[in-house]
Amino acid sequence: MHVPNDIMIKYIERRKRDFEECLSFLEHSQFEEIEKVGHQLKGNGATFGHPEVSLIGKNLEQAAHLQDLETLEVYLKQFSIWLSNLH
């Protein structure tokens, strides 16, 4: 499926906001909120041609559910790397 460029731009901008929100949620130990973001990423990554985002989302969701700070930091780093490679 081809996603129109304007929709893809909006998708990527939303992922940037998701990342920033996750950092804030982590800082305030809002694991349930990170779990929600992870769930959304898991569901929409492949739809928009980014299966790696689905995997990151799945892992964020699981780590947040377990309140595993170390693992959350690993997957947030992967999320950051994915975002930085979008240029």
PDB file of N, CA and C in Angstrom:
ATOM      1  N   MET A   1       0.839  -1.186   0.000  1.00  0.00           N
ATOM      2  CA  MET A   1       0.000   0.000   0.000  1.00  0.00           C
ATOM      3  C   MET A   1       0.880   1.244   0.000  1.00  0.00           C
ATOM      4  N   HIS A   2       0.583   2.153  -0.905  1.00  0.00           N
ATOM      5  CA  HIS A   2       1.323   3.411  -0.953  1.00  0.00           C
ATOM      6  C   HIS A   2       0.594   4.462  -0.114  1.00  0.00           C
ATOM      7  N   VAL A   3       1.333   5.076   0.792  1.00  0.00           N
ATOM      8  CA  VAL A   3       0.764   6.129   1.633  1.00  0.00           C
ATOM      9  C   VAL A   3       1.135   7.471   1.025  1.00  0.00           C
ATOM     10  N   PRO A   4       0.148   8.335   0.745  1.00  0.00           N
ATOM     11  CA  PRO A   4       0.448   9.655   0.184  1.00  0.00           C
ATOM     12  C   PRO A   4       1.433  10.425   1.064  1.00  0.00           C
ATOM     13  N   ASN A   5       2.285  11.204   0.421  1.00  0.00           N
ATOM     14  CA  ASN A   5       3.355  11.918   1.095  1.00  0.00           C
ATOM     15  C   ASN A   5       2.854  12.803   2.233  1.00  0.00           C
ATOM     16  N   ASP A   6       1.752  13.533   2.022  1.00  0.00           N
ATOM     17  CA  ASP A   6       1.269  14.431   3.068  1.00  0.00           C
ATOM     18  C   ASP A   6       0.801  13.654   4.298  1.00  0.00           C
ATOM     19  N   ILE A   7       0.226  12.491   4.084  1.00  0.00           N
ATOM     20  CA  ILE A   7      -0.205  11.661   5.207  1.00  0.00           C
ATOM     21  C   ILE A   7       1.012  11.076   5.919  1.00  0.00           C
ATOM     22  N   MET A   8       2.030  10.687   5.164  1.00  0.00           N
ATOM     23  CA  MET A   8       3.250  10.142   5.770  1.00  0.00           C
ATOM     24  C   MET A   8       3.949  11.205   6.611  1.00  0.00           C
ATOM     25  N   ILE A   9       3.975  12.436   6.136  1.00  0.00           N
ATOM     26  CA  ILE A   9       4.583  13.530   6.906  1.00  0.00           C
ATOM     27  C   ILE A   9       3.858  13.692   8.239  1.00  0.00           C
ATOM     28  N   LYS A  10       2.540  13.670   8.203  1.00  0.00           N
ATOM     29  CA  LYS A  10       1.754  13.773   9.444  1.00  0.00           C
ATOM     30  C   LYS A  10       2.020  12.587  10.359  1.00  0.00           C
ATOM     31  N   TYR A  11       2.128  11.403   9.777  1.00  0.00           N
ATOM     32  CA  TYR A  11       2.407  10.199  10.557  1.00  0.00           C
ATOM     33  C   TYR A  11       3.740  10.343  11.291  1.00  0.00           C
ATOM     34  N   ILE A  12       4.755  10.776  10.592  1.00  0.00           N
ATOM     35  CA  ILE A  12       6.090  10.912  11.191  1.00  0.00           C
ATOM     36  C   ILE A  12       6.095  12.008  12.249  1.00  0.00           C
ATOM     37  N   GLU A  13       5.417  13.117  11.994  1.00  0.00           N
ATOM     38  CA  GLU A  13       5.324  14.179  13.003  1.00  0.00           C
ATOM     39  C   GLU A  13       4.653  13.658  14.262  1.00  0.00           C
ATOM     40  N   ARG A  14       3.633  12.847  14.097  1.00  0.00           N
ATOM     41  CA  ARG A  14       2.945  12.278  15.261  1.00  0.00           C
ATOM     42  C   ARG A  14       3.863  11.335  16.027  1.00  0.00           C
ATOM     43  N   ARG A  15       4.697  10.586  15.308  1.00  0.00           N
ATOM     44  CA  ARG A  15       5.631   9.690  15.991  1.00  0.00           C
ATOM     45  C   ARG A  15       6.653  10.490  16.790  1.00  0.00           C
ATOM     46  N   LYS A  16       7.081  11.639  16.262  1.00  0.00           N
ATOM     47  CA  LYS A  16       8.006  12.502  17.011  1.00  0.00           C
ATOM     48  C   LYS A  16       7.362  12.969  18.310  1.00  0.00           C
ATOM     49  N   ARG A  17       6.085  13.345  18.236  1.00  0.00           N
ATOM     50  CA  ARG A  17       5.370  13.751  19.458  1.00  0.00           C
ATOM     51  C   ARG A  17       5.220  12.574  20.408  1.00  0.00           C
ATOM     52  N   ASP A  18       4.934  11.392  19.854  1.00  0.00           N
ATOM     53  CA  ASP A  18       4.839  10.193  20.698  1.00  0.00           C
ATOM     54  C   ASP A  18       6.137   9.976  21.473  1.00  0.00           C
ATOM     55  N   PHE A  19       7.250  10.126  20.788  1.00  0.00           N
ATOM     56  CA  PHE A  19       8.546   9.916  21.429  1.00  0.00           C
ATOM     57  C   PHE A  19       8.746  10.908  22.570  1.00  0.00           C
ATOM     58  N   GLU A  20       8.487  12.174  22.294  1.00  0.00           N
ATOM     59  CA  GLU A  20       8.651  13.203  23.328  1.00  0.00           C
ATOM     60  C   GLU A  20       7.711  12.947  24.507  1.00  0.00           C
ATOM     61  N   GLU A  21       6.491  12.537  24.212  1.00  0.00           N
ATOM     62  CA  GLU A  21       5.536  12.217  25.278  1.00  0.00           C
ATOM     63  C   GLU A  21       6.032  11.036  26.102  1.00  0.00           C
ATOM     64  N   CYS A  22       6.583  10.033  25.446  1.00  0.00           N
ATOM     65  CA  CYS A  22       7.089   8.864  26.177  1.00  0.00           C
ATOM     66  C   CYS A  22       8.218   9.253  27.127  1.00  0.00           C
ATOM     67  N   LEU A  23       9.081  10.148  26.693  1.00  0.00           N
ATOM     68  CA  LEU A  23      10.153  10.606  27.583  1.00  0.00           C
ATOM     69  C   LEU A  23       9.565  11.277  28.817  1.00  0.00           C
ATOM     70  N   SER A  24       8.565  12.106  28.609  1.00  0.00           N
ATOM     71  CA  SER A  24       7.905  12.769  29.732  1.00  0.00           C
ATOM     72  C   SER A  24       7.188  11.760  30.628  1.00  0.00           C
ATOM     73  N   PHE A  25       6.490  10.817  30.002  1.00  0.00           N
ATOM     74  CA  PHE A  25       5.792   9.788  30.787  1.00  0.00           C
ATOM     75  C   PHE A  25       6.790   8.986  31.623  1.00  0.00           C
ATOM     76  N   LEU A  26       7.938   8.669  31.037  1.00  0.00           N
ATOM     77  CA  LEU A  26       8.946   7.903  31.755  1.00  0.00           C
ATOM     78  C   LEU A  26       9.464   8.704  32.948  1.00  0.00           C
ATOM     79  N   GLU A  27       9.714   9.981  32.728  1.00  0.00           N
ATOM     80  CA  GLU A  27      10.206  10.855  33.782  1.00  0.00           C
ATOM     81  C   GLU A  27       9.236  10.903  34.966  1.00  0.00           C
ATOM     82  N   HIS A  28       7.945  10.761  34.676  1.00  0.00           N
ATOM     83  CA  HIS A  28       6.918  10.836  35.721  1.00  0.00           C
ATOM     84  C   HIS A  28       6.351   9.457  36.078  1.00  0.00           C
ATOM     85  N   SER A  29       7.056   8.408  35.668  1.00  0.00           N
ATOM     86  CA  SER A  29       6.648   7.017  35.950  1.00  0.00           C
ATOM     87  C   SER A  29       5.208   6.721  35.540  1.00  0.00           C
ATOM     88  N   GLN A  30       4.807   7.271  34.394  1.00  0.00           N
ATOM     89  CA  GLN A  30       3.461   7.031  33.862  1.00  0.00           C
ATOM     90  C   GLN A  30       3.509   5.863  32.879  1.00  0.00           C
ATOM     91  N   PHE A  31       3.706   4.677  33.438  1.00  0.00           N
ATOM     92  CA  PHE A  31       3.894   3.485  32.619  1.00  0.00           C
ATOM     93  C   PHE A  31       2.664   3.154  31.776  1.00  0.00           C
ATOM     94  N   GLU A  32       1.490   3.382  32.333  1.00  0.00           N
ATOM     95  CA  GLU A  32       0.266   3.071  31.597  1.00  0.00           C
ATOM     96  C   GLU A  32       0.169   3.906  30.320  1.00  0.00           C
ATOM     97  N   GLU A  33       0.623   5.149  30.383  1.00  0.00           N
ATOM     98  CA  GLU A  33       0.598   6.014  29.197  1.00  0.00           C
ATOM     99  C   GLU A  33       1.586   5.526  28.137  1.00  0.00           C
ATOM    100  N   ILE A  34       2.758   5.085  28.572  1.00  0.00           N
ATOM    101  CA  ILE A  34       3.738   4.537  27.625  1.00  0.00           C
ATOM    102  C   ILE A  34       3.172   3.264  27.004  1.00  0.00           C
ATOM    103  N   GLU A  35       2.501   2.478  27.804  1.00  0.00           N
ATOM    104  CA  GLU A  35       1.898   1.246  27.305  1.00  0.00           C
ATOM    105  C   GLU A  35       0.879   1.561  26.204  1.00  0.00           C
ATOM    106  N   LYS A  36       0.102   2.612  26.382  1.00  0.00           N
ATOM    107  CA  LYS A  36      -0.887   3.018  25.369  1.00  0.00           C
ATOM    108  C   LYS A  36      -0.203   3.447  24.078  1.00  0.00           C
ATOM    109  N   VAL A  37       0.851   4.250  24.199  1.00  0.00           N
ATOM    110  CA  VAL A  37       1.584   4.689  23.007  1.00  0.00           C
ATOM    111  C   VAL A  37       2.187   3.479  22.296  1.00  0.00           C
ATOM    112  N   GLY A  38       2.791   2.580  23.070  1.00  0.00           N
ATOM    113  CA  GLY A  38       3.370   1.374  22.480  1.00  0.00           C
ATOM    114  C   GLY A  38       2.331   0.568  21.725  1.00  0.00           C
ATOM    115  N   HIS A  39       1.159   0.451  22.306  1.00  0.00           N
ATOM    116  CA  HIS A  39       0.072  -0.297  21.662  1.00  0.00           C
ATOM    117  C   HIS A  39      -0.315   0.349  20.324  1.00  0.00           C
ATOM    118  N   GLN A  40      -0.409   1.664  20.310  1.00  0.00           N
ATOM    119  CA  GLN A  40      -0.751   2.377  19.070  1.00  0.00           C
ATOM    120  C   GLN A  40       0.330   2.184  18.015  1.00  0.00           C
ATOM    121  N   LEU A  41       1.584   2.282  18.438  1.00  0.00           N
ATOM    122  CA  LEU A  41       2.694   2.091  17.495  1.00  0.00           C
ATOM    123  C   LEU A  41       2.677   0.680  16.925  1.00  0.00           C
ATOM    124  N   LYS A  42       2.435  -0.277  17.800  1.00  0.00           N
ATOM    125  CA  LYS A  42       2.379  -1.676  17.379  1.00  0.00           C
ATOM    126  C   LYS A  42       1.329  -1.860  16.288  1.00  0.00           C
ATOM    127  N   GLY A  43       0.209  -1.160  16.439  1.00  0.00           N
ATOM    128  CA  GLY A  43      -0.886  -1.317  15.499  1.00  0.00           C
ATOM    129  C   GLY A  43      -0.737  -0.568  14.196  1.00  0.00           C
ATOM    130  N   ASN A  44      -0.010   0.559  14.199  1.00  0.00           N
ATOM    131  CA  ASN A  44      -0.005   1.363  12.975  1.00  0.00           C
ATOM    132  C   ASN A  44       1.310   1.369  12.203  1.00  0.00           C
ATOM    133  N   GLY A  45       2.375   0.861  12.775  1.00  0.00           N
ATOM    134  CA  GLY A  45       3.670   0.899  12.085  1.00  0.00           C
ATOM    135  C   GLY A  45       3.663   0.217  10.735  1.00  0.00           C
ATOM    136  N   ALA A  46       3.217  -1.027  10.711  1.00  0.00           N
ATOM    137  CA  ALA A  46       3.216  -1.782   9.458  1.00  0.00           C
ATOM    138  C   ALA A  46       2.253  -1.183   8.441  1.00  0.00           C
ATOM    139  N   THR A  47       1.140  -0.649   8.921  1.00  0.00           N
ATOM    140  CA  THR A  47       0.153  -0.024   8.037  1.00  0.00           C
ATOM    141  C   THR A  47       0.775   1.117   7.238  1.00  0.00           C
ATOM    142  N   PHE A  48       1.697   1.847   7.883  1.00  0.00           N
ATOM    143  CA  PHE A  48       2.336   2.976   7.224  1.00  0.00           C
ATOM    144  C   PHE A  48       3.690   2.621   6.623  1.00  0.00           C
ATOM    145  N   GLY A  49       3.959   1.330   6.498  1.00  0.00           N
ATOM    146  CA  GLY A  49       5.192   0.894   5.845  1.00  0.00           C
ATOM    147  C   GLY A  49       6.411   0.905   6.740  1.00  0.00           C
ATOM    148  N   HIS A  50       6.199   0.882   8.050  1.00  0.00           N
ATOM    149  CA  HIS A  50       7.309   0.887   9.000  1.00  0.00           C
ATOM    150  C   HIS A  50       7.132  -0.234  10.025  1.00  0.00           C
ATOM    151  N   PRO A  51       7.342  -1.482   9.589  1.00  0.00           N
ATOM    152  CA  PRO A  51       7.161  -2.599  10.514  1.00  0.00           C
ATOM    153  C   PRO A  51       8.082  -2.526  11.731  1.00  0.00           C
ATOM    154  N   GLU A  52       9.222  -1.850  11.582  1.00  0.00           N
ATOM    155  CA  GLU A  52      10.134  -1.709  12.716  1.00  0.00           C
ATOM    156  C   GLU A  52       9.484  -0.892  13.843  1.00  0.00           C
ATOM    157  N   VAL A  53       8.596   0.040  13.486  1.00  0.00           N
ATOM    158  CA  VAL A  53       7.879   0.820  14.496  1.00  0.00           C
ATOM    159  C   VAL A  53       6.893  -0.078  15.233  1.00  0.00           C
ATOM    160  N   SER A  54       6.282  -0.999  14.512  1.00  0.00           N
ATOM    161  CA  SER A  54       5.378  -1.950  15.162  1.00  0.00           C
ATOM    162  C   SER A  54       6.136  -2.775  16.205  1.00  0.00           C
ATOM    163  N   LEU A  55       7.339  -3.198  15.867  1.00  0.00           N
ATOM    164  CA  LEU A  55       8.144  -3.983  16.800  1.00  0.00           C
ATOM    165  C   LEU A  55       8.570  -3.137  18.005  1.00  0.00           C
ATOM    166  N   ILE A  56       9.009  -1.918  17.756  1.00  0.00           N
ATOM    167  CA  ILE A  56       9.366  -1.011  18.853  1.00  0.00           C
ATOM    168  C   ILE A  56       8.148  -0.803  19.756  1.00  0.00           C
ATOM    169  N   GLY A  57       6.992  -0.587  19.143  1.00  0.00           N
ATOM    170  CA  GLY A  57       5.765  -0.388  19.916  1.00  0.00           C
ATOM    171  C   GLY A  57       5.422  -1.588  20.771  1.00  0.00           C
ATOM    172  N   LYS A  58       5.532  -2.757  20.186  1.00  0.00           N
ATOM    173  CA  LYS A  58       5.246  -3.993  20.937  1.00  0.00           C
ATOM    174  C   LYS A  58       6.165  -4.101  22.151  1.00  0.00           C
ATOM    175  N   ASN A  59       7.433  -3.820  21.937  1.00  0.00           N
ATOM    176  CA  ASN A  59       8.411  -3.920  23.022  1.00  0.00           C
ATOM    177  C   ASN A  59       8.201  -2.839  24.081  1.00  0.00           C
ATOM    178  N   LEU A  60       7.854  -1.632  23.652  1.00  0.00           N
ATOM    179  CA  LEU A  60       7.547  -0.565  24.611  1.00  0.00           C
ATOM    180  C   LEU A  60       6.326  -0.938  25.449  1.00  0.00           C
ATOM    181  N   GLU A  61       5.311  -1.454  24.777  1.00  0.00           N
ATOM    182  CA  GLU A  61       4.088  -1.835  25.475  1.00  0.00           C
ATOM    183  C   GLU A  61       4.389  -2.888  26.549  1.00  0.00           C
ATOM    184  N   GLN A  62       5.149  -3.910  26.187  1.00  0.00           N
ATOM    185  CA  GLN A  62       5.470  -4.972  27.141  1.00  0.00           C
ATOM    186  C   GLN A  62       6.323  -4.456  28.295  1.00  0.00           C
ATOM    187  N   ALA A  63       7.343  -3.670  27.984  1.00  0.00           N
ATOM    188  CA  ALA A  63       8.234  -3.162  29.036  1.00  0.00           C
ATOM    189  C   ALA A  63       7.486  -2.212  29.979  1.00  0.00           C
ATOM    190  N   ALA A  64       6.593  -1.391  29.424  1.00  0.00           N
ATOM    191  CA  ALA A  64       5.811  -0.482  30.264  1.00  0.00           C
ATOM    192  C   ALA A  64       4.869  -1.267  31.162  1.00  0.00           C
ATOM    193  N   HIS A  65       4.274  -2.308  30.611  1.00  0.00           N
ATOM    194  CA  HIS A  65       3.375  -3.151  31.408  1.00  0.00           C
ATOM    195  C   HIS A  65       4.115  -3.747  32.605  1.00  0.00           C
ATOM    196  N   LEU A  66       5.367  -4.132  32.385  1.00  0.00           N
ATOM    197  CA  LEU A  66       6.193  -4.715  33.450  1.00  0.00           C
ATOM    198  C   LEU A  66       6.894  -3.649  34.299  1.00  0.00           C
ATOM    199  N   GLN A  67       6.749  -2.391  33.900  1.00  0.00           N
ATOM    200  CA  GLN A  67       7.431  -1.264  34.554  1.00  0.00           C
ATOM    201  C   GLN A  67       8.939  -1.509  34.623  1.00  0.00           C
ATOM    202  N   ASP A  68       9.481  -1.981  33.517  1.00  0.00           N
ATOM    203  CA  ASP A  68      10.898  -2.327  33.384  1.00  0.00           C
ATOM    204  C   ASP A  68      11.645  -1.114  32.804  1.00  0.00           C
ATOM    205  N   LEU A  69      12.196  -0.298  33.693  1.00  0.00           N
ATOM    206  CA  LEU A  69      12.850   0.946  33.272  1.00  0.00           C
ATOM    207  C   LEU A  69      14.009   0.718  32.315  1.00  0.00           C
ATOM    208  N   GLU A  70      14.843  -0.248  32.624  1.00  0.00           N
ATOM    209  CA  GLU A  70      16.016  -0.499  31.801  1.00  0.00           C
ATOM    210  C   GLU A  70      15.618  -0.870  30.374  1.00  0.00           C
ATOM    211  N   THR A  71      14.647  -1.755  30.236  1.00  0.00           N
ATOM    212  CA  THR A  71      14.189  -2.168  28.914  1.00  0.00           C
ATOM    213  C   THR A  71      13.478  -1.026  28.201  1.00  0.00           C
ATOM    214  N   LEU A  72      12.705  -0.243  28.934  1.00  0.00           N
ATOM    215  CA  LEU A  72      12.052   0.921  28.318  1.00  0.00           C
ATOM    216  C   LEU A  72      13.084   1.864  27.719  1.00  0.00           C
ATOM    217  N   GLU A  73      14.161   2.104  28.450  1.00  0.00           N
ATOM    218  CA  GLU A  73      15.199   2.998  27.948  1.00  0.00           C
ATOM    219  C   GLU A  73      15.840   2.455  26.674  1.00  0.00           C
ATOM    220  N   VAL A  74      16.021   1.141  26.605  1.00  0.00           N
ATOM    221  CA  VAL A  74      16.592   0.516  25.402  1.00  0.00           C
ATOM    222  C   VAL A  74      15.677   0.767  24.198  1.00  0.00           C
ATOM    223  N   TYR A  75      14.374   0.539  24.376  1.00  0.00           N
ATOM    224  CA  TYR A  75      13.461   0.674  23.244  1.00  0.00           C
ATOM    225  C   TYR A  75      13.161   2.126  22.906  1.00  0.00           C
ATOM    226  N   LEU A  76      13.230   3.001  23.882  1.00  0.00           N
ATOM    227  CA  LEU A  76      13.102   4.429  23.559  1.00  0.00           C
ATOM    228  C   LEU A  76      14.313   4.897  22.769  1.00  0.00           C
ATOM    229  N   LYS A  77      15.474   4.341  23.067  1.00  0.00           N
ATOM    230  CA  LYS A  77      16.675   4.651  22.288  1.00  0.00           C
ATOM    231  C   LYS A  77      16.497   4.162  20.849  1.00  0.00           C
ATOM    232  N   GLN A  78      15.932   2.959  20.679  1.00  0.00           N
ATOM    233  CA  GLN A  78      15.676   2.452  19.321  1.00  0.00           C
ATOM    234  C   GLN A  78      14.689   3.353  18.589  1.00  0.00           C
ATOM    235  N   PHE A  79      13.675   3.808  19.299  1.00  0.00           N
ATOM    236  CA  PHE A  79      12.680   4.729  18.726  1.00  0.00           C
ATOM    237  C   PHE A  79      13.383   6.004  18.274  1.00  0.00           C
ATOM    238  N   SER A  80      14.273   6.533  19.116  1.00  0.00           N
ATOM    239  CA  SER A  80      15.024   7.746  18.789  1.00  0.00           C
ATOM    240  C   SER A  80      15.878   7.538  17.545  1.00  0.00           C
ATOM    241  N   ILE A  81      16.546   6.398  17.466  1.00  0.00           N
ATOM    242  CA  ILE A  81      17.396   6.093  16.306  1.00  0.00           C
ATOM    243  C   ILE A  81      16.542   6.008  15.045  1.00  0.00           C
ATOM    244  N   TRP A  82      15.387   5.352  15.146  1.00  0.00           N
ATOM    245  CA  TRP A  82      14.502   5.250  13.995  1.00  0.00           C
ATOM    246  C   TRP A  82      14.107   6.652  13.514  1.00  0.00           C
ATOM    247  N   LEU A  83      13.726   7.511  14.445  1.00  0.00           N
ATOM    248  CA  LEU A  83      13.349   8.873  14.073  1.00  0.00           C
ATOM    249  C   LEU A  83      14.505   9.631  13.425  1.00  0.00           C
ATOM    250  N   SER A  84      15.692   9.461  13.958  1.00  0.00           N
ATOM    251  CA  SER A  84      16.854  10.189  13.425  1.00  0.00           C
ATOM    252  C   SER A  84      17.277   9.695  12.044  1.00  0.00           C
ATOM    253  N   ASN A  85      16.877   8.481  11.690  1.00  0.00           N
ATOM    254  CA  ASN A  85      17.221   7.922  10.372  1.00  0.00           C
ATOM    255  C   ASN A  85      16.215   8.270   9.290  1.00  0.00           C
ATOM    256  N   LEU A  86      15.231   9.087   9.592  1.00  0.00           N
ATOM    257  CA  LEU A  86      14.167   9.402   8.628  1.00  0.00           C
ATOM    258  C   LEU A  86      14.515  10.515   7.642  1.00  0.00           C
ATOM    259  N   HIS A  87      15.634  11.149   7.810  1.00  0.00           N
ATOM    260  CA  HIS A  87      15.987  12.308   6.965  1.00  0.00           C
ATOM    261  C   HIS A  87      15.860  12.012   5.494  1.00  0.00           C
TER     262      HIS A  87
END
